[in-house]
Amino acid sequence: MQSATPAQPIERTTRHLDDQAIAYEVVEHEQAFGAASEATASGVPPDNAAKSVLLHDEEGYRLAVILASDRLDLRKLGELLDTRKAKLRLATEEEMRADFPDFELGAIPPFGEMLPAPEIVDRQVLDHDRVLCNGGDHTHSVLLDPKEIVRAADARVADICEE
């Protein structure tokens, strides 16, 4: 008797989107690392790409979703979460590999409820009709309405990027 083949990262992501009744388009592209590179490989302007930033603090994991062209402001996020900046940090590669093995390193989808991790979406992401996001690996992305990211995760929306 053969065991079932584990679901590929993009299959896990699309199954989750289907379960949440979120409309999306899968975009297959050449292997690319980083949201801006994935956007270019997908033929989408980098300004219309979002990236997932996995963080860790004394409460556990947090997921921030920001535009690919922006930089996360840990001070703003720490104030929003009422946590000390020294305690809020980027998750390490070792933590991501150990705790989220279903996704390729650096390709975590922007759906905190999949991880689970409370989610914060930068308000500028919602200025777009559709954004390109990580699909779980480096050859697939998903294009969707950013309001659906907020709805599915019941995410907080705030100004969390550097000026």
C-alpha atoms as a PDB file:
ATOM      1  CA  MET A   1       0.000   0.000   0.000  1.00  0.00           C
ATOM      2  CA  GLN A   2       1.451   3.339  -1.024  1.00  0.00           C
ATOM      3  CA  SER A   3       1.207   6.389   1.170  1.00  0.00           C
ATOM      4  CA  ALA A   4      -0.399   9.493  -0.224  1.00  0.00           C
ATOM      5  CA  THR A   5       1.953  12.018  -1.764  1.00  0.00           C
ATOM      6  CA  PRO A   6       2.209  15.094   0.430  1.00  0.00           C
ATOM      7  CA  ALA A   7       0.436  18.106  -1.021  1.00  0.00           C
ATOM      8  CA  GLN A   8       2.649  20.573  -2.818  1.00  0.00           C
ATOM      9  CA  PRO A   9       2.809  24.037  -1.199  1.00  0.00           C
ATOM     10  CA  ILE A  10       0.705  25.667  -3.930  1.00  0.00           C
ATOM     11  CA  GLU A  11      -1.915  22.911  -3.551  1.00  0.00           C
ATOM     12  CA  ARG A  12      -2.129  23.572   0.200  1.00  0.00           C
ATOM     13  CA  THR A  13      -2.522  27.286  -0.516  1.00  0.00           C
ATOM     14  CA  THR A  14      -5.199  26.891  -3.194  1.00  0.00           C
ATOM     15  CA  ARG A  15      -7.108  24.356  -1.077  1.00  0.00           C
ATOM     16  CA  HIS A  16      -7.139  26.910   1.729  1.00  0.00           C
ATOM     17  CA  LEU A  17      -8.301  29.684  -0.617  1.00  0.00           C
ATOM     18  CA  ASP A  18     -11.048  27.443  -1.978  1.00  0.00           C
ATOM     19  CA  ASP A  19     -12.157  26.575   1.577  1.00  0.00           C
ATOM     20  CA  GLN A  20     -12.326  30.300   2.363  1.00  0.00           C
ATOM     21  CA  ALA A  21     -14.258  31.025  -0.885  1.00  0.00           C
ATOM     22  CA  ILE A  22     -11.554  33.436  -2.042  1.00  0.00           C
ATOM     23  CA  ALA A  23     -11.263  34.131  -5.771  1.00  0.00           C
ATOM     24  CA  TYR A  24      -7.668  33.888  -6.970  1.00  0.00           C
ATOM     25  CA  GLU A  25      -5.474  33.232  -9.969  1.00  0.00           C
ATOM     26  CA  VAL A  26      -2.427  30.959  -9.722  1.00  0.00           C
ATOM     27  CA  VAL A  27       0.534  32.416 -11.566  1.00  0.00           C
ATOM     28  CA  GLU A  28       3.280  29.959 -12.466  1.00  0.00           C
ATOM     29  CA  HIS A  29       6.679  31.530 -13.130  1.00  0.00           C
ATOM     30  CA  GLU A  30      10.379  30.849 -13.270  1.00  0.00           C
ATOM     31  CA  GLN A  31      11.984  30.245  -9.902  1.00  0.00           C
ATOM     32  CA  ALA A  32      12.275  33.602  -8.150  1.00  0.00           C
ATOM     33  CA  PHE A  33      13.254  34.693  -4.667  1.00  0.00           C
ATOM     34  CA  GLY A  34      11.665  37.774  -3.145  1.00  0.00           C
ATOM     35  CA  ALA A  35       8.311  39.383  -3.837  1.00  0.00           C
ATOM     36  CA  ALA A  36       9.635  41.929  -6.348  1.00  0.00           C
ATOM     37  CA  SER A  37      11.470  39.212  -8.298  1.00  0.00           C
ATOM     38  CA  GLU A  38       8.379  36.999  -8.306  1.00  0.00           C
ATOM     39  CA  ALA A  39       6.329  39.913  -9.620  1.00  0.00           C
ATOM     40  CA  THR A  40       8.814  40.545 -12.436  1.00  0.00           C
ATOM     41  CA  ALA A  41       8.894  36.823 -13.298  1.00  0.00           C
ATOM     42  CA  SER A  42       5.069  36.847 -13.326  1.00  0.00           C
ATOM     43  CA  GLY A  43       4.742  39.930 -15.516  1.00  0.00           C
ATOM     44  CA  VAL A  44       3.114  41.901 -12.682  1.00  0.00           C
ATOM     45  CA  PRO A  45       4.421  45.352 -11.706  1.00  0.00           C
ATOM     46  CA  PRO A  46       6.439  44.992  -8.453  1.00  0.00           C
ATOM     47  CA  ASP A  47       4.284  47.756  -6.925  1.00  0.00           C
ATOM     48  CA  ASN A  48       1.375  45.278  -7.101  1.00  0.00           C
ATOM     49  CA  ALA A  49       3.155  42.575  -5.123  1.00  0.00           C
ATOM     50  CA  ALA A  50       2.860  41.869  -1.410  1.00  0.00           C
ATOM     51  CA  LYS A  51       5.308  40.031   0.809  1.00  0.00           C
ATOM     52  CA  SER A  52       4.805  38.076   3.995  1.00  0.00           C
ATOM     53  CA  VAL A  53       7.128  38.853   6.885  1.00  0.00           C
ATOM     54  CA  LEU A  54       7.136  36.264   9.651  1.00  0.00           C
ATOM     55  CA  LEU A  55       7.990  37.624  13.086  1.00  0.00           C
ATOM     56  CA  HIS A  56       8.349  36.185  16.548  1.00  0.00           C
ATOM     57  CA  ASP A  57       7.857  37.644  20.026  1.00  0.00           C
ATOM     58  CA  GLU A  58       7.031  36.394  23.509  1.00  0.00           C
ATOM     59  CA  GLU A  59       3.475  35.586  22.313  1.00  0.00           C
ATOM     60  CA  GLY A  60       4.660  33.408  19.407  1.00  0.00           C
ATOM     61  CA  TYR A  61       4.550  34.060  15.672  1.00  0.00           C
ATOM     62  CA  ARG A  62       3.075  37.110  13.955  1.00  0.00           C
ATOM     63  CA  LEU A  63       2.615  37.620  10.232  1.00  0.00           C
ATOM     64  CA  ALA A  64       2.927  41.034   8.617  1.00  0.00           C
ATOM     65  CA  VAL A  65       1.845  41.578   5.015  1.00  0.00           C
ATOM     66  CA  ILE A  66       3.345  44.608   3.288  1.00  0.00           C
ATOM     67  CA  LEU A  67       3.986  45.773  -0.270  1.00  0.00           C
ATOM     68  CA  ALA A  68       7.135  44.325  -1.847  1.00  0.00           C
ATOM     69  CA  SER A  69       8.607  47.797  -2.249  1.00  0.00           C
ATOM     70  CA  ASP A  70       8.144  48.733   1.430  1.00  0.00           C
ATOM     71  CA  ARG A  71      10.146  48.046   4.574  1.00  0.00           C
ATOM     72  CA  LEU A  72       8.517  46.910   7.789  1.00  0.00           C
ATOM     73  CA  ASP A  73       8.911  49.294  10.737  1.00  0.00           C
ATOM     74  CA  LEU A  74       9.441  47.099  13.809  1.00  0.00           C
ATOM     75  CA  ARG A  75       8.918  50.072  16.137  1.00  0.00           C
ATOM     76  CA  LYS A  76       5.460  50.824  14.708  1.00  0.00           C
ATOM     77  CA  LEU A  77       4.525  47.169  14.756  1.00  0.00           C
ATOM     78  CA  GLY A  78       5.800  46.738  18.323  1.00  0.00           C
ATOM     79  CA  GLU A  79       3.701  49.699  19.472  1.00  0.00           C
ATOM     80  CA  LEU A  80       0.646  48.338  17.688  1.00  0.00           C
ATOM     81  CA  LEU A  81       1.104  44.926  19.292  1.00  0.00           C
ATOM     82  CA  ASP A  82       2.037  46.477  22.633  1.00  0.00           C
ATOM     83  CA  THR A  83       5.275  44.537  22.739  1.00  0.00           C
ATOM     84  CA  ARG A  84       8.809  45.746  23.289  1.00  0.00           C
ATOM     85  CA  LYS A  85      10.854  46.189  20.114  1.00  0.00           C
ATOM     86  CA  ALA A  86      13.664  44.115  21.616  1.00  0.00           C
ATOM     87  CA  LYS A  87      11.260  41.166  21.906  1.00  0.00           C
ATOM     88  CA  LEU A  88       9.768  41.509  18.407  1.00  0.00           C
ATOM     89  CA  ARG A  89      12.120  40.089  15.805  1.00  0.00           C
ATOM     90  CA  LEU A  90      12.185  38.418  12.438  1.00  0.00           C
ATOM     91  CA  ALA A  91      11.719  34.667  12.655  1.00  0.00           C
ATOM     92  CA  THR A  92      14.921  32.779  11.957  1.00  0.00           C
ATOM     93  CA  GLU A  93      15.365  30.431   9.018  1.00  0.00           C
ATOM     94  CA  GLU A  94      15.735  27.551  11.476  1.00  0.00           C
ATOM     95  CA  GLU A  95      12.390  28.421  13.120  1.00  0.00           C
ATOM     96  CA  MET A  96      10.651  28.680   9.761  1.00  0.00           C
ATOM     97  CA  ARG A  97      12.058  25.345   8.560  1.00  0.00           C
ATOM     98  CA  ALA A  98      11.109  23.597  11.815  1.00  0.00           C
ATOM     99  CA  ASP A  99       7.656  25.099  12.357  1.00  0.00           C
ATOM    100  CA  PHE A 100       6.419  25.595   8.775  1.00  0.00           C
ATOM    101  CA  PRO A 101       7.894  22.706   6.761  1.00  0.00           C
ATOM    102  CA  ASP A 102       4.947  22.703   4.330  1.00  0.00           C
ATOM    103  CA  PHE A 103       6.261  25.891   2.703  1.00  0.00           C
ATOM    104  CA  GLU A 104       9.555  26.705   1.061  1.00  0.00           C
ATOM    105  CA  LEU A 105      11.779  29.038   3.024  1.00  0.00           C
ATOM    106  CA  GLY A 106      10.923  32.621   2.097  1.00  0.00           C
ATOM    107  CA  ALA A 107       7.655  31.722   0.358  1.00  0.00           C
ATOM    108  CA  ILE A 108       5.111  31.672   3.187  1.00  0.00           C
ATOM    109  CA  PRO A 109       1.660  32.672   1.904  1.00  0.00           C
ATOM    110  CA  PRO A 110       0.025  35.777   3.417  1.00  0.00           C
ATOM    111  CA  PHE A 111      -2.631  33.848   5.293  1.00  0.00           C
ATOM    112  CA  GLY A 112      -1.908  33.889   9.000  1.00  0.00           C
ATOM    113  CA  GLU A 113      -4.760  31.525   9.736  1.00  0.00           C
ATOM    114  CA  MET A 114      -2.905  28.777   7.821  1.00  0.00           C
ATOM    115  CA  LEU A 115       0.122  28.923  10.132  1.00  0.00           C
ATOM    116  CA  PRO A 116      -1.508  29.923  12.609  1.00  0.00           C
ATOM    117  CA  ALA A 117      -0.174  33.383  13.355  1.00  0.00           C
ATOM    118  CA  PRO A 118      -2.086  36.594  14.097  1.00  0.00           C
ATOM    119  CA  GLU A 119      -1.852  38.803  11.041  1.00  0.00           C
ATOM    120  CA  ILE A 120      -1.337  42.510  10.432  1.00  0.00           C
ATOM    121  CA  VAL A 121      -1.740  43.947   6.927  1.00  0.00           C
ATOM    122  CA  ASP A 122      -0.224  47.308   6.053  1.00  0.00           C
ATOM    123  CA  ARG A 123      -2.954  49.743   5.004  1.00  0.00           C
ATOM    124  CA  GLN A 124      -1.195  50.504   1.685  1.00  0.00           C
ATOM    125  CA  VAL A 125      -1.720  46.928   0.529  1.00  0.00           C
ATOM    126  CA  LEU A 126      -5.464  47.668   0.434  1.00  0.00           C
ATOM    127  CA  ASP A 127      -4.889  50.503  -2.069  1.00  0.00           C
ATOM    128  CA  HIS A 128      -4.648  47.804  -4.762  1.00  0.00           C
ATOM    129  CA  ASP A 129      -7.449  45.899  -6.483  1.00  0.00           C
ATOM    130  CA  ARG A 130      -5.297  42.771  -6.695  1.00  0.00           C
ATOM    131  CA  VAL A 131      -1.880  41.867  -5.318  1.00  0.00           C
ATOM    132  CA  LEU A 132       0.527  39.088  -6.170  1.00  0.00           C
ATOM    133  CA  CYS A 133       1.443  37.006  -3.111  1.00  0.00           C
ATOM    134  CA  ASN A 134       3.578  34.013  -2.208  1.00  0.00           C
ATOM    135  CA  GLY A 135       1.946  30.714  -3.019  1.00  0.00           C
ATOM    136  CA  GLY A 136       4.122  28.606  -0.723  1.00  0.00           C
ATOM    137  CA  ASP A 137       6.983  27.877  -3.136  1.00  0.00           C
ATOM    138  CA  HIS A 138       9.274  29.852  -5.420  1.00  0.00           C
ATOM    139  CA  THR A 139       7.594  28.968  -8.731  1.00  0.00           C
ATOM    140  CA  HIS A 140       3.949  29.797  -7.943  1.00  0.00           C
ATOM    141  CA  SER A 141       2.247  32.956  -6.775  1.00  0.00           C
ATOM    142  CA  VAL A 142      -1.389  33.864  -6.274  1.00  0.00           C
ATOM    143  CA  LEU A 143      -3.094  37.001  -7.505  1.00  0.00           C
ATOM    144  CA  LEU A 144      -6.056  38.093  -5.404  1.00  0.00           C
ATOM    145  CA  ASP A 145      -7.975  40.940  -3.811  1.00  0.00           C
ATOM    146  CA  PRO A 146      -6.047  42.051  -0.693  1.00  0.00           C
ATOM    147  CA  LYS A 147      -9.328  42.657   1.147  1.00  0.00           C
ATOM    148  CA  GLU A 148      -9.771  38.878   1.054  1.00  0.00           C
ATOM    149  CA  ILE A 149      -6.483  38.424   2.940  1.00  0.00           C
ATOM    150  CA  VAL A 150      -7.847  40.664   5.682  1.00  0.00           C
ATOM    151  CA  ARG A 151     -11.239  38.934   5.720  1.00  0.00           C
ATOM    152  CA  ALA A 152      -9.903  35.378   5.806  1.00  0.00           C
ATOM    153  CA  ALA A 153      -7.448  36.050   8.627  1.00  0.00           C
ATOM    154  CA  ASP A 154      -9.567  38.628  10.432  1.00  0.00           C
ATOM    155  CA  ALA A 155      -6.342  40.610  10.160  1.00  0.00           C
ATOM    156  CA  ARG A 156      -5.657  43.981  11.685  1.00  0.00           C
ATOM    157  CA  VAL A 157      -4.982  46.788   9.206  1.00  0.00           C
ATOM    158  CA  ALA A 158      -2.504  49.472  10.233  1.00  0.00           C
ATOM    159  CA  ASP A 159       0.398  51.646   9.127  1.00  0.00           C
ATOM    160  CA  ILE A 160       3.356  49.355   9.835  1.00  0.00           C
ATOM    161  CA  CYS A 161       5.926  50.418   7.226  1.00  0.00           C
ATOM    162  CA  GLU A 162       8.786  52.880   7.311  1.00  0.00           C
ATOM    163  CA  GLU A 163       8.008  56.348   5.992  1.00  0.00           C
END
